[in-house]
Each structure stands twice: as C-alpha cells, then as structure tokens.
Amino acid sequence: MSNFIKFGKGECPICHGAEKRCNYVESTNESGGTTKLIFCKGTTNAPTYIFRGNAPQTGIGMWAYLPDLEAWKDSKNNKVSQEKYWQEKRNREKR
C-alpha cells in the first residue's frame, strides 16, 4: 500500500503552497525508476507536470511529473514490444 507524503510549506510544484493539503505518492515502476503522483487542489498548470484527472473519492487533482510519465510509457512499450516479439517467434517455430 502506498503512503502519502505531505509537502512542506511552499514545496508543492503545482500550487507553490497556495493550497494547504498537497501530498504525493512515490512508486517504483517495472524498470526500477520512481514515479511521483501529486495530489493538489490547485489549478495552475506547471509546465513539467501533466494533469491525470481527479481522485475518485476526494476530487483532488492528480498530477504526474512528465519525464517520469514518459519514461514509464517507454519502459511499458518496450516490454510490450519484447513480449510481442517472443510470441511471434514461438508462433513461427510451431509452424
């Protein structure tokens, strides 16, 4: 289970401290990198973060750090490509 980490005063990269209850969750992706998902009520769009929608129970905005998100997509696409390659190879060998 993930633990929420509260930002210190003025540390939130989305609202820069305008909101008082900003926090984040860090998780490790399949390639071993960490991804930070930020929960903030602020609406200011930080250029290196992408809005991922509102949290279902609270309605607080969820923001992801863009470079982390792109790295995760690349690692996921790479994994899918590898699985597809090996599946096609097994299918060719069966023929």
PDB file of N, CA and C in Angstrom:
ATOM      1  N   MET A   1       0.847  -1.177   0.000  1.00  0.00           N
ATOM      2  CA  MET A   1       0.000   0.000   0.000  1.00  0.00           C
ATOM      3  C   MET A   1       0.892   1.240   0.000  1.00  0.00           C
ATOM      4  N   SER A   2       0.480   2.241  -0.686  1.00  0.00           N
ATOM      5  CA  SER A   2       1.248   3.475  -0.791  1.00  0.00           C
ATOM      6  C   SER A   2       0.999   4.379   0.400  1.00  0.00           C
ATOM      7  N   ASN A   3       2.058   5.080   0.801  1.00  0.00           N
ATOM      8  CA  ASN A   3       1.934   6.058   1.872  1.00  0.00           C
ATOM      9  C   ASN A   3       2.007   7.453   1.280  1.00  0.00           C
ATOM     10  N   PHE A   4       1.093   8.298   1.690  1.00  0.00           N
ATOM     11  CA  PHE A   4       1.098   9.676   1.224  1.00  0.00           C
ATOM     12  C   PHE A   4       2.148  10.459   1.995  1.00  0.00           C
ATOM     13  N   ILE A   5       2.859  11.321   1.291  1.00  0.00           N
ATOM     14  CA  ILE A   5       3.865  12.181   1.896  1.00  0.00           C
ATOM     15  C   ILE A   5       3.398  13.617   1.710  1.00  0.00           C
ATOM     16  N   LYS A   6       3.321  14.349   2.814  1.00  0.00           N
ATOM     17  CA  LYS A   6       2.835  15.732   2.765  1.00  0.00           C
ATOM     18  C   LYS A   6       3.980  16.657   2.357  1.00  0.00           C
ATOM     19  N   PHE A   7       3.666  17.584   1.463  1.00  0.00           N
ATOM     20  CA  PHE A   7       4.640  18.606   1.094  1.00  0.00           C
ATOM     21  C   PHE A   7       4.807  19.586   2.246  1.00  0.00           C
ATOM     22  N   GLY A   8       6.013  20.111   2.402  1.00  0.00           N
ATOM     23  CA  GLY A   8       6.240  21.188   3.350  1.00  0.00           C
ATOM     24  C   GLY A   8       5.670  22.485   2.789  1.00  0.00           C
ATOM     25  N   LYS A   9       5.683  23.522   3.589  1.00  0.00           N
ATOM     26  CA  LYS A   9       5.111  24.808   3.185  1.00  0.00           C
ATOM     27  C   LYS A   9       5.804  25.332   1.915  1.00  0.00           C
ATOM     28  N   GLY A  10       5.017  25.557   0.879  1.00  0.00           N
ATOM     29  CA  GLY A  10       5.533  26.115  -0.369  1.00  0.00           C
ATOM     30  C   GLY A  10       6.266  25.133  -1.264  1.00  0.00           C
ATOM     31  N   GLU A  11       6.289  23.831  -0.932  1.00  0.00           N
ATOM     32  CA  GLU A  11       7.038  22.850  -1.720  1.00  0.00           C
ATOM     33  C   GLU A  11       6.259  22.236  -2.876  1.00  0.00           C
ATOM     34  N   CYS A  12       4.947  22.363  -2.900  1.00  0.00           N
ATOM     35  CA  CYS A  12       4.154  21.748  -3.966  1.00  0.00           C
ATOM     36  C   CYS A  12       4.504  22.409  -5.306  1.00  0.00           C
ATOM     37  N   PRO A  13       4.909  21.621  -6.308  1.00  0.00           N
ATOM     38  CA  PRO A  13       5.283  22.202  -7.594  1.00  0.00           C
ATOM     39  C   PRO A  13       4.084  22.663  -8.431  1.00  0.00           C
ATOM     40  N   ILE A  14       2.883  22.312  -8.016  1.00  0.00           N
ATOM     41  CA  ILE A  14       1.684  22.698  -8.769  1.00  0.00           C
ATOM     42  C   ILE A  14       1.174  24.055  -8.289  1.00  0.00           C
ATOM     43  N   CYS A  15       0.922  24.188  -6.987  1.00  0.00           N
ATOM     44  CA  CYS A  15       0.328  25.426  -6.465  1.00  0.00           C
ATOM     45  C   CYS A  15       1.329  26.292  -5.700  1.00  0.00           C
ATOM     46  N   HIS A  16       2.521  25.787  -5.489  1.00  0.00           N
ATOM     47  CA  HIS A  16       3.583  26.508  -4.765  1.00  0.00           C
ATOM     48  C   HIS A  16       3.145  26.958  -3.378  1.00  0.00           C
ATOM     49  N   GLY A  17       2.329  26.122  -2.728  1.00  0.00           N
ATOM     50  CA  GLY A  17       1.923  26.404  -1.359  1.00  0.00           C
ATOM     51  C   GLY A  17       0.608  27.143  -1.203  1.00  0.00           C
ATOM     52  N   ALA A  18      -0.068  27.485  -2.290  1.00  0.00           N
ATOM     53  CA  ALA A  18      -1.358  28.185  -2.192  1.00  0.00           C
ATOM     54  C   ALA A  18      -2.408  27.293  -1.526  1.00  0.00           C
ATOM     55  N   GLU A  19      -2.356  25.999  -1.819  1.00  0.00           N
ATOM     56  CA  GLU A  19      -3.251  25.036  -1.167  1.00  0.00           C
ATOM     57  C   GLU A  19      -2.511  24.446   0.037  1.00  0.00           C
ATOM     58  N   LYS A  20      -3.233  24.046   1.046  1.00  0.00           N
ATOM     59  CA  LYS A  20      -2.586  23.604   2.285  1.00  0.00           C
ATOM     60  C   LYS A  20      -2.479  22.086   2.440  1.00  0.00           C
ATOM     61  N   ARG A  21      -3.191  21.323   1.620  1.00  0.00           N
ATOM     62  CA  ARG A  21      -3.225  19.872   1.833  1.00  0.00           C
ATOM     63  C   ARG A  21      -2.623  19.088   0.679  1.00  0.00           C
ATOM     64  N   CYS A  22      -1.593  19.561   0.079  1.00  0.00           N
ATOM     65  CA  CYS A  22      -0.965  18.865  -1.048  1.00  0.00           C
ATOM     66  C   CYS A  22      -0.091  17.732  -0.532  1.00  0.00           C
ATOM     67  N   ASN A  23      -0.147  16.607  -1.224  1.00  0.00           N
ATOM     68  CA  ASN A  23       0.720  15.491  -0.876  1.00  0.00           C
ATOM     69  C   ASN A  23       1.041  14.693  -2.120  1.00  0.00           C
ATOM     70  N   TYR A  24       1.880  13.690  -1.969  1.00  0.00           N
ATOM     71  CA  TYR A  24       2.264  12.879  -3.116  1.00  0.00           C
ATOM     72  C   TYR A  24       2.535  11.446  -2.697  1.00  0.00           C
ATOM     73  N   VAL A  25       2.579  10.593  -3.679  1.00  0.00           N
ATOM     74  CA  VAL A  25       2.899   9.185  -3.504  1.00  0.00           C
ATOM     75  C   VAL A  25       4.024   8.861  -4.465  1.00  0.00           C
ATOM     76  N   GLU A  26       5.038   8.168  -3.988  1.00  0.00           N
ATOM     77  CA  GLU A  26       6.105   7.700  -4.861  1.00  0.00           C
ATOM     78  C   GLU A  26       5.959   6.196  -5.031  1.00  0.00           C
ATOM     79  N   SER A  27       6.103   5.737  -6.257  1.00  0.00           N
ATOM     80  CA  SER A  27       6.052   4.303  -6.508  1.00  0.00           C
ATOM     81  C   SER A  27       7.195   3.919  -7.436  1.00  0.00           C
ATOM     82  N   THR A  28       7.586   2.673  -7.380  1.00  0.00           N
ATOM     83  CA  THR A  28       8.661   2.165  -8.221  1.00  0.00           C
ATOM     84  C   THR A  28       8.044   1.469  -9.417  1.00  0.00           C
ATOM     85  N   ASN A  29       8.495   1.841 -10.611  1.00  0.00           N
ATOM     86  CA  ASN A  29       7.959   1.213 -11.816  1.00  0.00           C
ATOM     87  C   ASN A  29       8.741  -0.053 -12.154  1.00  0.00           C
ATOM     88  N   GLU A  30       8.338  -0.739 -13.210  1.00  0.00           N
ATOM     89  CA  GLU A  30       8.932  -2.016 -13.589  1.00  0.00           C
ATOM     90  C   GLU A  30      10.410  -1.928 -13.929  1.00  0.00           C
ATOM     91  N   SER A  31      10.849  -0.784 -14.418  1.00  0.00           N
ATOM     92  CA  SER A  31      12.256  -0.638 -14.796  1.00  0.00           C
ATOM     93  C   SER A  31      13.115  -0.175 -13.626  1.00  0.00           C
ATOM     94  N   GLY A  32      12.519  -0.030 -12.447  1.00  0.00           N
ATOM     95  CA  GLY A  32      13.271   0.345 -11.260  1.00  0.00           C
ATOM     96  C   GLY A  32      13.293   1.830 -10.969  1.00  0.00           C
ATOM     97  N   GLY A  33      12.726   2.650 -11.841  1.00  0.00           N
ATOM     98  CA  GLY A  33      12.667   4.089 -11.599  1.00  0.00           C
ATOM     99  C   GLY A  33      11.504   4.435 -10.691  1.00  0.00           C
ATOM    100  N   THR A  34      11.535   5.621 -10.135  1.00  0.00           N
ATOM    101  CA  THR A  34      10.438   6.049  -9.278  1.00  0.00           C
ATOM    102  C   THR A  34       9.563   7.054 -10.006  1.00  0.00           C
ATOM    103  N   THR A  35       8.292   6.991  -9.722  1.00  0.00           N
ATOM    104  CA  THR A  35       7.308   7.897 -10.296  1.00  0.00           C
ATOM    105  C   THR A  35       6.581   8.581  -9.153  1.00  0.00           C
ATOM    106  N   LYS A  36       6.391   9.883  -9.265  1.00  0.00           N
ATOM    107  CA  LYS A  36       5.721  10.646  -8.217  1.00  0.00           C
ATOM    108  C   LYS A  36       4.372  11.107  -8.753  1.00  0.00           C
ATOM    109  N   LEU A  37       3.306  10.789  -8.028  1.00  0.00           N
ATOM    110  CA  LEU A  37       1.959  11.249  -8.355  1.00  0.00           C
ATOM    111  C   LEU A  37       1.565  12.260  -7.289  1.00  0.00           C
ATOM    112  N   ILE A  38       1.268  13.481  -7.713  1.00  0.00           N
ATOM    113  CA  ILE A  38       0.978  14.581  -6.801  1.00  0.00           C
ATOM    114  C   ILE A  38      -0.531  14.807  -6.724  1.00  0.00           C
ATOM    115  N   PHE A  39      -1.023  15.012  -5.507  1.00  0.00           N
ATOM    116  CA  PHE A  39      -2.429  15.311  -5.264  1.00  0.00           C
ATOM    117  C   PHE A  39      -2.511  16.753  -4.790  1.00  0.00           C
ATOM    118  N   CYS A  40      -3.163  17.617  -5.584  1.00  0.00           N
ATOM    119  CA  CYS A  40      -3.221  19.049  -5.281  1.00  0.00           C
ATOM    120  C   CYS A  40      -4.544  19.622  -5.776  1.00  0.00           C
ATOM    121  N   LYS A  41      -5.138  20.501  -4.968  1.00  0.00           N
ATOM    122  CA  LYS A  41      -6.383  21.169  -5.378  1.00  0.00           C
ATOM    123  C   LYS A  41      -6.122  22.334  -6.316  1.00  0.00           C
ATOM    124  N   GLY A  42      -4.874  22.724  -6.455  1.00  0.00           N
ATOM    125  CA  GLY A  42      -4.524  23.857  -7.300  1.00  0.00           C
ATOM    126  C   GLY A  42      -4.826  23.594  -8.770  1.00  0.00           C
ATOM    127  N   THR A  43      -5.054  24.660  -9.502  1.00  0.00           N
ATOM    128  CA  THR A  43      -5.371  24.530 -10.919  1.00  0.00           C
ATOM    129  C   THR A  43      -4.289  25.122 -11.819  1.00  0.00           C
ATOM    130  N   THR A  44      -3.252  25.687 -11.223  1.00  0.00           N
ATOM    131  CA  THR A  44      -2.165  26.252 -12.011  1.00  0.00           C
ATOM    132  C   THR A  44      -1.432  25.116 -12.706  1.00  0.00           C
ATOM    133  N   ASN A  45      -1.232  25.256 -13.989  1.00  0.00           N
ATOM    134  CA  ASN A  45      -0.564  24.210 -14.742  1.00  0.00           C
ATOM    135  C   ASN A  45       0.946  24.438 -14.729  1.00  0.00           C
ATOM    136  N   ALA A  46       1.661  23.560 -14.072  1.00  0.00           N
ATOM    137  CA  ALA A  46       3.117  23.611 -14.072  1.00  0.00           C
ATOM    138  C   ALA A  46       3.593  22.967 -15.372  1.00  0.00           C
ATOM    139  N   PRO A  47       4.542  23.559 -16.084  1.00  0.00           N
ATOM    140  CA  PRO A  47       4.917  23.069 -17.414  1.00  0.00           C
ATOM    141  C   PRO A  47       5.494  21.655 -17.453  1.00  0.00           C
ATOM    142  N   THR A  48       6.117  21.200 -16.379  1.00  0.00           N
ATOM    143  CA  THR A  48       6.709  19.856 -16.407  1.00  0.00           C
ATOM    144  C   THR A  48       5.811  18.804 -15.770  1.00  0.00           C
ATOM    145  N   TYR A  49       4.557  19.153 -15.503  1.00  0.00           N
ATOM    146  CA  TYR A  49       3.605  18.207 -14.915  1.00  0.00           C
ATOM    147  C   TYR A  49       2.388  18.105 -15.817  1.00  0.00           C
ATOM    148  N   ILE A  50       1.774  16.939 -15.793  1.00  0.00           N
ATOM    149  CA  ILE A  50       0.588  16.721 -16.621  1.00  0.00           C
ATOM    150  C   ILE A  50      -0.572  16.315 -15.711  1.00  0.00           C
ATOM    151  N   PHE A  51      -1.731  16.905 -15.962  1.00  0.00           N
ATOM    152  CA  PHE A  51      -2.927  16.606 -15.180  1.00  0.00           C
ATOM    153  C   PHE A  51      -3.436  15.228 -15.565  1.00  0.00           C
ATOM    154  N   ARG A  52      -3.657  14.358 -14.569  1.00  0.00           N
ATOM    155  CA  ARG A  52      -4.087  12.982 -14.823  1.00  0.00           C
ATOM    156  C   ARG A  52      -5.540  12.730 -14.443  1.00  0.00           C
ATOM    157  N   GLY A  53      -6.247  13.761 -14.006  1.00  0.00           N
ATOM    158  CA  GLY A  53      -7.651  13.600 -13.627  1.00  0.00           C
ATOM    159  C   GLY A  53      -7.831  13.874 -12.144  1.00  0.00           C
ATOM    160  N   ASN A  54      -9.045  13.706 -11.673  1.00  0.00           N
ATOM    161  CA  ASN A  54      -9.341  13.912 -10.254  1.00  0.00           C
ATOM    162  C   ASN A  54      -9.422  12.574  -9.544  1.00  0.00           C
ATOM    163  N   ALA A  55      -8.958  12.553  -8.314  1.00  0.00           N
ATOM    164  CA  ALA A  55      -9.054  11.341  -7.500  1.00  0.00           C
ATOM    165  C   ALA A  55     -10.525  11.024  -7.279  1.00  0.00           C
ATOM    166  N   PRO A  56     -10.923   9.766  -7.429  1.00  0.00           N
ATOM    167  CA  PRO A  56     -12.350   9.415  -7.389  1.00  0.00           C
ATOM    168  C   PRO A  56     -13.061   9.786  -6.086  1.00  0.00           C
ATOM    169  N   GLN A  57     -12.443   9.563  -4.950  1.00  0.00           N
ATOM    170  CA  GLN A  57     -13.151   9.783  -3.689  1.00  0.00           C
ATOM    171  C   GLN A  57     -13.098  11.224  -3.207  1.00  0.00           C
ATOM    172  N   THR A  58     -12.018  11.924  -3.523  1.00  0.00           N
ATOM    173  CA  THR A  58     -11.837  13.263  -2.968  1.00  0.00           C
ATOM    174  C   THR A  58     -12.025  14.383  -3.980  1.00  0.00           C
ATOM    175  N   GLY A  59     -11.861  14.087  -5.257  1.00  0.00           N
ATOM    176  CA  GLY A  59     -11.955  15.108  -6.282  1.00  0.00           C
ATOM    177  C   GLY A  59     -10.709  15.978  -6.397  1.00  0.00           C
ATOM    178  N   ILE A  60      -9.670  15.629  -5.637  1.00  0.00           N
ATOM    179  CA  ILE A  60      -8.415  16.388  -5.690  1.00  0.00           C
ATOM    180  C   ILE A  60      -7.677  16.025  -6.971  1.00  0.00           C
ATOM    181  N   GLY A  61      -7.095  17.009  -7.626  1.00  0.00           N
ATOM    182  CA  GLY A  61      -6.387  16.782  -8.877  1.00  0.00           C
ATOM    183  C   GLY A  61      -5.142  15.926  -8.710  1.00  0.00           C
ATOM    184  N   MET A  62      -4.915  15.044  -9.665  1.00  0.00           N
ATOM    185  CA  MET A  62      -3.725  14.195  -9.662  1.00  0.00           C
ATOM    186  C   MET A  62      -2.806  14.655 -10.787  1.00  0.00           C
ATOM    187  N   TRP A  63      -1.556  14.865 -10.473  1.00  0.00           N
ATOM    188  CA  TRP A  63      -0.567  15.375 -11.414  1.00  0.00           C
ATOM    189  C   TRP A  63       0.626  14.437 -11.448  1.00  0.00           C
ATOM    190  N   ALA A  64       1.154  14.186 -12.632  1.00  0.00           N
ATOM    191  CA  ALA A  64       2.338  13.341 -12.791  1.00  0.00           C
ATOM    192  C   ALA A  64       3.468  14.168 -13.397  1.00  0.00           C
ATOM    193  N   TYR A  65       4.674  13.887 -12.956  1.00  0.00           N
ATOM    194  CA  TYR A  65       5.855  14.544 -13.499  1.00  0.00           C
ATOM    195  C   TYR A  65       6.070  14.012 -14.909  1.00  0.00           C
ATOM    196  N   LEU A  66       6.077  14.881 -15.890  1.00  0.00           N
ATOM    197  CA  LEU A  66       6.092  14.492 -17.299  1.00  0.00           C
ATOM    198  C   LEU A  66       7.270  13.588 -17.676  1.00  0.00           C
ATOM    199  N   PRO A  67       8.518  13.901 -17.306  1.00  0.00           N
ATOM    200  CA  PRO A  67       9.619  12.988 -17.667  1.00  0.00           C
ATOM    201  C   PRO A  67       9.457  11.586 -17.071  1.00  0.00           C
ATOM    202  N   ASP A  68       8.942  11.484 -15.823  1.00  0.00           N
ATOM    203  CA  ASP A  68       8.692  10.168 -15.229  1.00  0.00           C
ATOM    204  C   ASP A  68       7.629   9.421 -16.008  1.00  0.00           C
ATOM    205  N   LEU A  69       6.579  10.128 -16.404  1.00  0.00           N
ATOM    206  CA  LEU A  69       5.483   9.510 -17.145  1.00  0.00           C
ATOM    207  C   LEU A  69       5.959   9.005 -18.507  1.00  0.00           C
ATOM    208  N   GLU A  70       6.773   9.801 -19.187  1.00  0.00           N
ATOM    209  CA  GLU A  70       7.305   9.385 -20.484  1.00  0.00           C
ATOM    210  C   GLU A  70       8.234   8.186 -20.350  1.00  0.00           C
ATOM    211  N   ALA A  71       9.061   8.160 -19.293  1.00  0.00           N
ATOM    212  CA  ALA A  71       9.953   7.022 -19.064  1.00  0.00           C
ATOM    213  C   ALA A  71       9.147   5.763 -18.791  1.00  0.00           C
ATOM    214  N   TRP A  72       8.054   5.907 -18.019  1.00  0.00           N
ATOM    215  CA  TRP A  72       7.203   4.757 -17.732  1.00  0.00           C
ATOM    216  C   TRP A  72       6.554   4.235 -19.004  1.00  0.00           C
ATOM    217  N   LYS A  73       6.060   5.152 -19.853  1.00  0.00           N
ATOM    218  CA  LYS A  73       5.451   4.733 -21.121  1.00  0.00           C
ATOM    219  C   LYS A  73       6.465   4.012 -21.995  1.00  0.00           C
ATOM    220  N   ASP A  74       7.700   4.549 -22.058  1.00  0.00           N
ATOM    221  CA  ASP A  74       8.745   3.918 -22.865  1.00  0.00           C
ATOM    222  C   ASP A  74       9.063   2.525 -22.358  1.00  0.00           C
ATOM    223  N   SER A  75       9.181   2.370 -21.036  1.00  0.00           N
ATOM    224  CA  SER A  75       9.502   1.050 -20.488  1.00  0.00           C
ATOM    225  C   SER A  75       8.354   0.076 -20.725  1.00  0.00           C
ATOM    226  N   LYS A  76       7.114   0.562 -20.605  1.00  0.00           N
ATOM    227  CA  LYS A  76       5.949  -0.293 -20.839  1.00  0.00           C
ATOM    228  C   LYS A  76       5.866  -0.683 -22.318  1.00  0.00           C
ATOM    229  N   ASN A  77       6.079   0.285 -23.217  1.00  0.00           N
ATOM    230  CA  ASN A  77       6.058  -0.014 -24.649  1.00  0.00           C
ATOM    231  C   ASN A  77       7.170  -0.988 -25.011  1.00  0.00           C
ATOM    232  N   ASN A  78       8.341  -0.820 -24.410  1.00  0.00           N
ATOM    233  CA  ASN A  78       9.460  -1.722 -24.670  1.00  0.00           C
ATOM    234  C   ASN A  78       9.116  -3.133 -24.212  1.00  0.00           C
ATOM    235  N   LYS A  79       8.494  -3.255 -23.043  1.00  0.00           N
ATOM    236  CA  LYS A  79       8.114  -4.571 -22.534  1.00  0.00           C
ATOM    237  C   LYS A  79       7.081  -5.224 -23.450  1.00  0.00           C
ATOM    238  N   VAL A  80       6.099  -4.455 -23.899  1.00  0.00           N
ATOM    239  CA  VAL A  80       5.078  -4.983 -24.811  1.00  0.00           C
ATOM    240  C   VAL A  80       5.730  -5.433 -26.113  1.00  0.00           C
ATOM    241  N   SER A  81       6.668  -4.640 -26.633  1.00  0.00           N
ATOM    242  CA  SER A  81       7.361  -4.995 -27.871  1.00  0.00           C
ATOM    243  C   SER A  81       8.137  -6.293 -27.711  1.00  0.00           C
ATOM    244  N   GLN A  82       8.813  -6.458 -26.579  1.00  0.00           N
ATOM    245  CA  GLN A  82       9.571  -7.683 -26.336  1.00  0.00           C
ATOM    246  C   GLN A  82       8.650  -8.894 -26.243  1.00  0.00           C
ATOM    247  N   GLU A  83       7.534  -8.745 -25.524  1.00  0.00           N
ATOM    248  CA  GLU A  83       6.575  -9.851 -25.402  1.00  0.00           C
ATOM    249  C   GLU A  83       6.006 -10.222 -26.762  1.00  0.00           C
ATOM    250  N   LYS A  84       5.681  -9.225 -27.565  1.00  0.00           N
ATOM    251  CA  LYS A  84       5.143  -9.472 -28.905  1.00  0.00           C
ATOM    252  C   LYS A  84       6.177 -10.190 -29.768  1.00  0.00           C
ATOM    253  N   TYR A  85       7.428  -9.769 -29.693  1.00  0.00           N
ATOM    254  CA  TYR A  85       8.495 -10.399 -30.470  1.00  0.00           C
ATOM    255  C   TYR A  85       8.600 -11.884 -30.123  1.00  0.00           C
ATOM    256  N   TRP A  86       8.660 -12.194 -28.815  1.00  0.00           N
ATOM    257  CA  TRP A  86       8.817 -13.592 -28.416  1.00  0.00           C
ATOM    258  C   TRP A  86       7.585 -14.425 -28.747  1.00  0.00           C
ATOM    259  N   GLN A  87       6.411 -13.836 -28.660  1.00  0.00           N
ATOM    260  CA  GLN A  87       5.194 -14.557 -29.014  1.00  0.00           C
ATOM    261  C   GLN A  87       5.185 -14.884 -30.514  1.00  0.00           C
ATOM    262  N   GLU A  88       5.553 -13.909 -31.341  1.00  0.00           N
ATOM    263  CA  GLU A  88       5.615 -14.154 -32.785  1.00  0.00           C
ATOM    264  C   GLU A  88       6.678 -15.192 -33.121  1.00  0.00           C
ATOM    265  N   LYS A  89       7.788 -15.161 -32.432  1.00  0.00           N
ATOM    266  CA  LYS A  89       8.851 -16.144 -32.671  1.00  0.00           C
ATOM    267  C   LYS A  89       8.369 -17.546 -32.314  1.00  0.00           C
ATOM    268  N   ARG A  90       7.670 -17.695 -31.192  1.00  0.00           N
ATOM    269  CA  ARG A  90       7.140 -19.013 -30.806  1.00  0.00           C
ATOM    270  C   ARG A  90       6.123 -19.503 -31.846  1.00  0.00           C
ATOM    271  N   ASN A  91       5.289 -18.583 -32.341  1.00  0.00           N
ATOM    272  CA  ASN A  91       4.297 -18.953 -33.351  1.00  0.00           C
ATOM    273  C   ASN A  91       4.963 -19.420 -34.632  1.00  0.00           C
ATOM    274  N   ARG A  92       6.051 -18.766 -35.051  1.00  0.00           N
ATOM    275  CA  ARG A  92       6.777 -19.170 -36.259  1.00  0.00           C
ATOM    276  C   ARG A  92       7.416 -20.538 -36.079  1.00  0.00           C
ATOM    277  N   GLU A  93       7.919 -20.820 -34.884  1.00  0.00           N
ATOM    278  CA  GLU A  93       8.575 -22.099 -34.609  1.00  0.00           C
ATOM    279  C   GLU A  93       7.580 -23.252 -34.601  1.00  0.00           C
ATOM    280  N   LYS A  94       6.330 -22.985 -34.244  1.00  0.00           N
ATOM    281  CA  LYS A  94       5.300 -24.020 -34.201  1.00  0.00           C
ATOM    282  C   LYS A  94       4.912 -24.476 -35.604  1.00  0.00           C
ATOM    283  N   ARG A  95       5.072 -23.624 -36.606  1.00  0.00           N
ATOM    284  CA  ARG A  95       4.649 -23.934 -37.963  1.00  0.00           C
ATOM    285  C   ARG A  95       5.479 -24.966 -38.608  1.00  0.00           C
TER     286      ARG A  95
END
